[in-house]
């Protein structure tokens, strides 16, 4: 059987004897992938879904993987705060603006993870521990450097 694959950027794979399919990725509920088209525009589909790239798109590999876990999409993220003592939780994130892209469904930047902690029902004291206090306790040299700078 002769087969012609036009130069569209879509991968066509053998599905079985004499059958061909376009490549796709199946995303679970807390996963996403990144697609980029010929003009450089990116798209961030979220699961659960089966994602087929458009003819002008291709999957972006991050760490050698197409699918990425989106922990920040988990509405049960507060479970960590229910089972781990508040004194043992450190919050860390990338520098704001490090990840370029806005979630089209929410309008929030993808790297804005502080808002998930802000949404939890925590006292101001516990919130201060998570965002700063615990890190200063665990990393005393950081604390002394910040204190020397008046922070």
N, C-alpha and C. Protein backbone atom coordinates (compact mmCIF):
# COMPACT_ATOMS: atom_id res chain seq x y z
N UNK A 1 0.86 -1.18 0.00
CA UNK A 1 0.00 0.00 0.00
C UNK A 1 0.89 1.23 0.00
N UNK A 2 0.64 2.11 -0.92
CA UNK A 2 1.39 3.36 -0.90
C UNK A 2 0.64 4.35 -0.01
N UNK A 3 1.39 5.17 0.65
CA UNK A 3 0.79 6.12 1.59
C UNK A 3 1.49 7.45 1.43
N UNK A 4 0.72 8.51 1.30
CA UNK A 4 1.29 9.84 1.18
C UNK A 4 0.97 10.63 2.44
N UNK A 5 2.01 11.16 3.07
CA UNK A 5 1.81 12.00 4.24
C UNK A 5 2.22 13.41 3.86
N UNK A 6 1.26 14.32 3.77
CA UNK A 6 1.61 15.69 3.41
C UNK A 6 2.45 16.34 4.50
N UNK A 7 3.27 17.30 4.16
CA UNK A 7 4.16 17.94 5.15
C UNK A 7 3.40 18.91 6.05
N UNK A 8 2.57 18.35 6.94
CA UNK A 8 1.73 19.18 7.80
C UNK A 8 2.24 19.26 9.22
N UNK A 9 3.21 18.44 9.58
CA UNK A 9 3.68 18.41 10.96
C UNK A 9 2.91 17.43 11.82
N UNK A 10 1.85 16.82 11.30
CA UNK A 10 1.09 15.83 12.05
C UNK A 10 1.72 14.47 11.83
N UNK A 11 1.99 13.78 12.90
CA UNK A 11 2.57 12.45 12.81
C UNK A 11 1.47 11.45 12.52
N UNK A 12 1.68 10.60 11.55
CA UNK A 12 0.73 9.54 11.23
C UNK A 12 1.40 8.22 11.59
N UNK A 13 0.72 7.42 12.39
CA UNK A 13 1.30 6.18 12.88
C UNK A 13 0.43 5.00 12.47
N UNK A 14 1.06 3.84 12.40
CA UNK A 14 0.34 2.62 12.07
C UNK A 14 -0.47 2.19 13.29
N UNK A 15 -1.78 1.98 13.09
CA UNK A 15 -2.66 1.56 14.18
C UNK A 15 -2.88 0.06 14.16
N UNK A 16 -2.70 -0.54 13.06
CA UNK A 16 -2.91 -1.97 12.92
C UNK A 16 -2.63 -2.35 11.49
N UNK A 17 -3.05 -3.53 11.13
CA UNK A 17 -2.79 -4.02 9.78
C UNK A 17 -3.53 -3.15 8.75
N UNK A 18 -2.76 -2.36 8.02
CA UNK A 18 -3.33 -1.53 6.97
C UNK A 18 -4.08 -0.29 7.46
N UNK A 19 -3.99 0.03 8.75
CA UNK A 19 -4.69 1.20 9.27
C UNK A 19 -3.68 2.22 9.76
N UNK A 20 -4.02 3.49 9.59
CA UNK A 20 -3.14 4.58 10.01
C UNK A 20 -3.94 5.59 10.81
N UNK A 21 -3.30 6.19 11.80
CA UNK A 21 -3.96 7.22 12.61
C UNK A 21 -3.00 8.37 12.85
N UNK A 22 -3.57 9.54 13.14
CA UNK A 22 -2.73 10.67 13.55
C UNK A 22 -2.31 10.45 14.98
N UNK A 23 -1.16 10.99 15.35
CA UNK A 23 -0.73 10.87 16.74
C UNK A 23 -1.58 11.78 17.61
N UNK A 24 -1.81 11.33 18.81
CA UNK A 24 -2.61 12.09 19.77
C UNK A 24 -2.09 11.74 21.15
N UNK A 25 -2.54 12.48 22.12
CA UNK A 25 -2.18 12.19 23.50
C UNK A 25 -3.47 12.18 24.31
N UNK A 26 -3.58 11.21 25.21
CA UNK A 26 -4.73 11.12 26.10
C UNK A 26 -4.33 11.72 27.44
N UNK A 27 -5.03 12.75 27.84
CA UNK A 27 -4.73 13.44 29.09
C UNK A 27 -5.70 13.01 30.17
N UNK A 28 -5.15 12.70 31.32
CA UNK A 28 -5.99 12.42 32.49
C UNK A 28 -6.44 13.76 33.07
N UNK A 29 -7.27 13.70 34.10
CA UNK A 29 -7.90 14.90 34.64
C UNK A 29 -6.90 15.95 35.09
N UNK A 30 -5.78 15.57 35.66
CA UNK A 30 -4.82 16.54 36.19
C UNK A 30 -3.56 16.62 35.34
N UNK A 31 -3.73 16.56 34.04
CA UNK A 31 -2.60 16.66 33.13
C UNK A 31 -2.89 17.70 32.05
N UNK A 32 -1.82 18.19 31.46
CA UNK A 32 -1.96 19.11 30.33
C UNK A 32 -0.82 18.83 29.37
N UNK A 33 -0.92 19.39 28.18
CA UNK A 33 0.18 19.31 27.21
C UNK A 33 0.30 20.68 26.55
N UNK A 34 1.39 20.85 25.86
CA UNK A 34 1.64 22.12 25.18
C UNK A 34 1.77 21.83 23.69
N UNK A 35 1.03 22.57 22.89
CA UNK A 35 1.12 22.47 21.44
C UNK A 35 1.60 23.82 20.91
N UNK A 36 2.44 23.77 19.90
CA UNK A 36 2.93 25.00 19.28
C UNK A 36 2.70 24.90 17.78
N UNK A 37 2.22 25.99 17.19
CA UNK A 37 1.99 25.96 15.75
C UNK A 37 3.12 26.65 15.01
N UNK A 38 3.02 26.67 13.70
CA UNK A 38 4.10 27.19 12.87
C UNK A 38 4.40 28.66 13.14
N UNK A 39 3.42 29.42 13.63
CA UNK A 39 3.63 30.84 13.90
C UNK A 39 4.20 31.09 15.30
N UNK A 40 4.36 30.02 16.09
CA UNK A 40 4.91 30.16 17.43
C UNK A 40 3.85 30.29 18.52
N UNK A 41 2.58 30.33 18.14
CA UNK A 41 1.50 30.41 19.12
C UNK A 41 1.40 29.08 19.88
N UNK A 42 1.21 29.18 21.20
CA UNK A 42 1.10 27.98 22.02
C UNK A 42 -0.33 27.78 22.48
N UNK A 43 -0.68 26.52 22.66
CA UNK A 43 -1.99 26.13 23.17
C UNK A 43 -1.76 25.14 24.29
N UNK A 44 -2.57 25.23 25.37
CA UNK A 44 -2.38 24.41 26.56
C UNK A 44 -3.66 23.62 26.87
N UNK A 45 -3.93 22.54 26.15
CA UNK A 45 -5.12 21.75 26.45
C UNK A 45 -4.97 21.03 27.79
N UNK A 46 -6.08 20.93 28.52
CA UNK A 46 -6.08 20.24 29.81
C UNK A 46 -7.01 19.04 29.73
N UNK A 47 -6.71 18.04 30.56
CA UNK A 47 -7.52 16.84 30.60
C UNK A 47 -8.77 17.02 31.42
N UNK A 48 -9.66 16.07 31.40
CA UNK A 48 -9.55 14.83 30.64
C UNK A 48 -9.95 15.05 29.19
N UNK A 49 -9.12 14.61 28.30
CA UNK A 49 -9.42 14.74 26.88
C UNK A 49 -8.39 13.98 26.05
N UNK A 50 -8.75 13.77 24.80
CA UNK A 50 -7.80 13.26 23.83
C UNK A 50 -7.45 14.44 22.94
N UNK A 51 -6.17 14.74 22.83
CA UNK A 51 -5.73 15.93 22.10
C UNK A 51 -5.08 15.51 20.79
N UNK A 52 -5.66 15.99 19.71
CA UNK A 52 -5.07 15.83 18.38
C UNK A 52 -4.50 17.18 17.98
N UNK A 53 -3.24 17.23 17.58
CA UNK A 53 -2.71 18.50 17.10
C UNK A 53 -3.35 18.88 15.77
N UNK A 54 -3.53 20.17 15.57
CA UNK A 54 -4.00 20.66 14.27
C UNK A 54 -2.89 20.38 13.25
N UNK A 55 -3.21 20.42 11.97
CA UNK A 55 -2.18 20.13 10.96
C UNK A 55 -0.94 21.01 11.05
N UNK A 56 -1.06 22.21 11.61
CA UNK A 56 0.10 23.10 11.71
C UNK A 56 0.75 23.07 13.09
N UNK A 57 0.29 22.18 13.98
CA UNK A 57 0.81 22.13 15.35
C UNK A 57 1.67 20.90 15.59
N UNK A 58 2.52 21.01 16.61
CA UNK A 58 3.26 19.84 17.08
C UNK A 58 3.34 19.91 18.60
N UNK A 59 3.51 18.74 19.21
CA UNK A 59 3.63 18.68 20.66
C UNK A 59 4.98 19.22 21.11
N UNK A 60 5.00 19.92 22.24
CA UNK A 60 6.23 20.41 22.84
C UNK A 60 6.64 19.41 23.91
N UNK A 61 7.87 18.94 23.84
CA UNK A 61 8.38 18.03 24.86
C UNK A 61 8.97 18.85 26.01
N UNK A 62 8.56 18.53 27.22
CA UNK A 62 9.10 19.17 28.42
C UNK A 62 9.67 18.06 29.28
N UNK A 63 10.96 18.07 29.46
CA UNK A 63 11.60 16.99 30.20
C UNK A 63 11.46 15.65 29.49
N UNK A 64 11.37 15.68 28.17
CA UNK A 64 11.26 14.45 27.39
C UNK A 64 9.86 13.87 27.36
N UNK A 65 8.89 14.55 27.93
CA UNK A 65 7.52 14.06 28.00
C UNK A 65 6.56 15.02 27.30
N UNK A 66 5.51 14.46 26.72
CA UNK A 66 4.46 15.27 26.11
C UNK A 66 3.45 15.69 27.17
N UNK A 67 3.06 14.73 28.04
CA UNK A 67 2.06 15.01 29.07
C UNK A 67 2.74 15.56 30.32
N UNK A 68 2.12 16.56 30.93
CA UNK A 68 2.65 17.17 32.15
C UNK A 68 1.60 17.06 33.25
N UNK A 69 2.06 16.81 34.47
CA UNK A 69 1.15 16.78 35.60
C UNK A 69 0.85 18.20 36.03
N UNK A 70 -0.41 18.46 36.25
CA UNK A 70 -0.83 19.80 36.64
C UNK A 70 -1.38 19.75 38.06
N UNK A 71 -0.48 19.68 39.02
CA UNK A 71 -0.89 19.59 40.42
C UNK A 71 -1.75 20.78 40.79
N UNK A 72 -1.45 21.95 40.20
CA UNK A 72 -2.21 23.14 40.56
C UNK A 72 -3.66 23.07 40.11
N UNK A 73 -4.01 22.11 39.25
CA UNK A 73 -5.40 21.96 38.83
C UNK A 73 -6.21 21.15 39.83
N UNK A 74 -5.54 20.56 40.81
CA UNK A 74 -6.18 19.65 41.74
C UNK A 74 -6.99 20.42 42.78
N UNK A 75 -8.30 20.24 42.75
CA UNK A 75 -9.12 20.93 43.74
C UNK A 75 -8.94 20.35 45.14
N UNK A 76 -8.26 19.21 45.27
CA UNK A 76 -7.99 18.61 46.58
C UNK A 76 -6.63 19.00 47.12
N UNK A 77 -5.99 20.01 46.53
CA UNK A 77 -4.66 20.40 46.96
C UNK A 77 -4.62 20.72 48.45
N UNK A 78 -5.70 21.20 48.99
CA UNK A 78 -5.77 21.51 50.41
C UNK A 78 -5.61 20.29 51.29
N UNK A 79 -5.70 19.09 50.71
CA UNK A 79 -5.53 17.85 51.48
C UNK A 79 -4.15 17.82 52.14
N UNK A 80 -3.13 18.32 51.49
CA UNK A 80 -1.79 18.38 52.07
C UNK A 80 -1.82 19.09 53.40
N UNK A 81 -2.58 20.17 53.46
CA UNK A 81 -2.63 20.98 54.68
C UNK A 81 -3.44 20.30 55.78
N UNK A 82 -4.23 19.29 55.42
CA UNK A 82 -5.02 18.56 56.41
C UNK A 82 -4.23 17.42 57.04
N UNK A 83 -3.26 16.87 56.30
CA UNK A 83 -2.56 15.68 56.80
C UNK A 83 -1.12 15.96 57.22
N UNK A 84 -0.52 17.06 56.79
CA UNK A 84 0.84 17.42 57.16
C UNK A 84 0.78 18.60 58.12
N UNK A 85 1.55 18.52 59.19
CA UNK A 85 1.59 19.61 60.16
C UNK A 85 2.04 20.90 59.46
N UNK A 86 1.39 21.99 59.78
CA UNK A 86 1.66 23.28 59.12
C UNK A 86 3.12 23.70 59.26
N UNK A 87 3.79 23.27 60.33
CA UNK A 87 5.20 23.63 60.53
C UNK A 87 6.14 22.88 59.59
N UNK A 88 5.62 21.88 58.86
CA UNK A 88 6.45 21.07 57.97
C UNK A 88 6.18 21.34 56.49
N UNK A 89 5.47 22.41 56.18
CA UNK A 89 5.14 22.72 54.79
C UNK A 89 5.92 23.95 54.35
N UNK A 90 6.65 23.81 53.25
CA UNK A 90 7.37 24.93 52.65
C UNK A 90 6.74 25.24 51.30
N UNK A 91 6.46 26.49 51.04
CA UNK A 91 5.92 26.90 49.74
C UNK A 91 7.08 27.35 48.87
N UNK A 92 7.09 26.90 47.64
CA UNK A 92 8.11 27.34 46.69
C UNK A 92 7.45 27.46 45.32
N UNK A 93 7.92 28.39 44.54
CA UNK A 93 7.42 28.53 43.18
C UNK A 93 8.50 29.17 42.34
N UNK A 94 8.26 29.14 41.04
CA UNK A 94 9.18 29.83 40.15
C UNK A 94 8.97 31.33 40.29
N UNK A 95 9.96 32.08 39.88
CA UNK A 95 9.82 33.53 39.89
C UNK A 95 8.63 33.90 39.01
N UNK A 96 7.78 34.79 39.49
CA UNK A 96 6.60 35.19 38.72
C UNK A 96 7.04 35.72 37.36
N UNK A 97 6.43 35.21 36.32
CA UNK A 97 6.79 35.62 34.97
C UNK A 97 7.76 34.67 34.30
N UNK A 98 8.25 33.65 35.04
CA UNK A 98 9.20 32.71 34.46
C UNK A 98 8.53 31.83 33.40
N UNK A 99 7.28 31.50 33.61
CA UNK A 99 6.53 30.69 32.65
C UNK A 99 5.62 31.63 31.87
N UNK A 100 5.89 31.73 30.61
CA UNK A 100 5.08 32.62 29.77
C UNK A 100 3.82 31.88 29.35
N UNK A 101 2.70 32.47 29.58
CA UNK A 101 1.45 31.87 29.14
C UNK A 101 0.34 32.13 30.13
N UNK A 102 -0.83 32.36 29.59
CA UNK A 102 -2.01 32.61 30.39
C UNK A 102 -3.01 31.51 30.11
N UNK A 103 -3.59 30.95 31.16
CA UNK A 103 -4.61 29.93 31.02
C UNK A 103 -5.84 30.59 30.41
N UNK A 104 -6.24 30.19 29.21
CA UNK A 104 -7.37 30.86 28.57
C UNK A 104 -8.69 30.65 29.30
N UNK A 105 -8.79 29.58 30.09
CA UNK A 105 -10.04 29.32 30.81
C UNK A 105 -10.19 30.18 32.05
N UNK A 106 -9.08 30.51 32.71
CA UNK A 106 -9.16 31.27 33.97
C UNK A 106 -8.66 32.70 33.82
N UNK A 107 -7.80 32.95 32.83
CA UNK A 107 -7.20 34.26 32.67
C UNK A 107 -6.01 34.50 33.58
N UNK A 108 -5.63 33.49 34.38
CA UNK A 108 -4.48 33.61 35.28
C UNK A 108 -3.22 33.09 34.58
N UNK A 109 -2.08 33.65 34.95
CA UNK A 109 -0.81 33.13 34.44
C UNK A 109 -0.60 31.72 34.97
N UNK A 110 0.02 30.86 34.17
CA UNK A 110 0.25 29.48 34.58
C UNK A 110 1.17 29.39 35.80
N UNK A 111 2.06 30.37 35.99
CA UNK A 111 3.00 30.29 37.11
C UNK A 111 2.47 30.98 38.37
N UNK A 112 1.22 31.39 38.37
CA UNK A 112 0.64 32.03 39.56
C UNK A 112 0.09 30.95 40.49
N UNK A 113 0.97 30.36 41.31
CA UNK A 113 0.55 29.28 42.21
C UNK A 113 0.22 29.78 43.61
N UNK A 114 0.64 30.98 43.95
CA UNK A 114 0.35 31.52 45.29
C UNK A 114 -1.15 31.61 45.54
N UNK A 115 -1.90 31.86 44.49
CA UNK A 115 -3.35 32.02 44.66
C UNK A 115 -4.02 30.75 45.16
N UNK A 116 -3.43 29.58 44.90
CA UNK A 116 -4.01 28.33 45.39
C UNK A 116 -3.88 28.23 46.91
N UNK A 117 -2.77 28.71 47.44
CA UNK A 117 -2.58 28.71 48.89
C UNK A 117 -3.46 29.80 49.50
N UNK A 118 -3.54 30.95 48.84
CA UNK A 118 -4.39 32.04 49.33
C UNK A 118 -5.85 31.60 49.44
N UNK A 119 -6.28 30.69 48.56
CA UNK A 119 -7.68 30.26 48.55
C UNK A 119 -8.01 29.30 49.69
N UNK A 120 -6.99 28.74 50.34
CA UNK A 120 -7.23 27.80 51.44
C UNK A 120 -7.65 28.55 52.70
N UNK A 121 -8.41 27.87 53.54
CA UNK A 121 -8.88 28.45 54.80
C UNK A 121 -7.78 28.29 55.85
N UNK A 122 -6.82 29.23 55.85
CA UNK A 122 -5.71 29.20 56.80
C UNK A 122 -5.74 30.49 57.62
N UNK A 123 -5.28 30.38 58.87
CA UNK A 123 -5.13 31.60 59.68
C UNK A 123 -3.97 32.41 59.11
N UNK A 124 -3.93 33.69 59.45
CA UNK A 124 -2.83 34.53 58.97
C UNK A 124 -1.48 34.02 59.48
N UNK A 125 -1.46 33.50 60.70
CA UNK A 125 -0.22 32.95 61.25
C UNK A 125 0.26 31.73 60.48
N UNK A 126 -0.68 30.82 60.15
CA UNK A 126 -0.32 29.63 59.37
C UNK A 126 0.10 30.01 57.96
N UNK A 127 -0.59 30.97 57.38
CA UNK A 127 -0.23 31.43 56.03
C UNK A 127 1.18 32.02 56.03
N UNK A 128 1.52 32.78 57.06
CA UNK A 128 2.86 33.37 57.18
C UNK A 128 3.91 32.29 57.33
N UNK A 129 3.59 31.21 58.07
CA UNK A 129 4.54 30.09 58.21
C UNK A 129 4.81 29.45 56.85
N UNK A 130 3.75 29.19 56.09
CA UNK A 130 3.89 28.50 54.81
C UNK A 130 4.68 29.34 53.82
N UNK A 131 4.36 30.62 53.72
CA UNK A 131 5.01 31.48 52.73
C UNK A 131 6.42 31.91 53.12
N UNK A 132 6.70 32.01 54.42
CA UNK A 132 7.99 32.58 54.80
C UNK A 132 8.59 31.97 56.06
N UNK A 133 7.81 31.88 57.11
CA UNK A 133 8.34 31.49 58.42
C UNK A 133 9.03 30.14 58.45
N UNK A 134 8.42 29.13 57.84
CA UNK A 134 9.02 27.80 57.86
C UNK A 134 10.34 27.77 57.10
N UNK A 135 10.41 28.48 55.99
CA UNK A 135 11.66 28.52 55.22
C UNK A 135 12.76 29.21 56.02
N UNK A 136 12.42 30.27 56.73
CA UNK A 136 13.43 30.95 57.56
C UNK A 136 13.90 30.05 58.70
N UNK A 137 13.00 29.23 59.24
CA UNK A 137 13.38 28.32 60.32
C UNK A 137 14.27 27.19 59.79
N UNK A 138 13.92 26.65 58.64
CA UNK A 138 14.67 25.52 58.06
C UNK A 138 16.01 25.99 57.49
N UNK A 139 16.06 27.21 56.98
CA UNK A 139 17.28 27.76 56.39
C UNK A 139 17.73 28.99 57.19
N UNK A 140 18.39 28.78 58.33
CA UNK A 140 18.75 29.90 59.19
C UNK A 140 19.70 30.90 58.54
N UNK A 141 20.56 30.46 57.63
CA UNK A 141 21.45 31.41 56.95
C UNK A 141 20.65 32.36 56.07
N UNK A 142 19.62 31.83 55.43
CA UNK A 142 18.73 32.69 54.64
C UNK A 142 18.07 33.72 55.55
N UNK A 143 17.59 33.26 56.70
CA UNK A 143 16.94 34.16 57.65
C UNK A 143 17.89 35.27 58.10
N UNK A 144 19.12 34.90 58.44
CA UNK A 144 20.06 35.93 58.91
C UNK A 144 20.42 36.91 57.79
N UNK A 145 20.54 36.43 56.56
CA UNK A 145 20.81 37.31 55.43
C UNK A 145 19.66 38.29 55.20
N UNK A 146 18.44 37.77 55.27
CA UNK A 146 17.27 38.64 55.08
C UNK A 146 17.14 39.65 56.21
N UNK A 147 17.41 39.21 57.44
CA UNK A 147 17.35 40.13 58.59
C UNK A 147 18.40 41.25 58.44
N UNK A 148 19.60 40.89 57.97
CA UNK A 148 20.65 41.89 57.78
C UNK A 148 20.24 42.94 56.75
N UNK A 149 19.37 42.55 55.83
CA UNK A 149 18.89 43.48 54.80
C UNK A 149 17.59 44.17 55.21
N UNK A 150 17.17 43.91 56.43
CA UNK A 150 15.96 44.54 56.93
C UNK A 150 14.67 43.91 56.43
N UNK A 151 14.76 42.70 55.99
CA UNK A 151 13.57 42.00 55.47
C UNK A 151 13.07 40.94 56.44
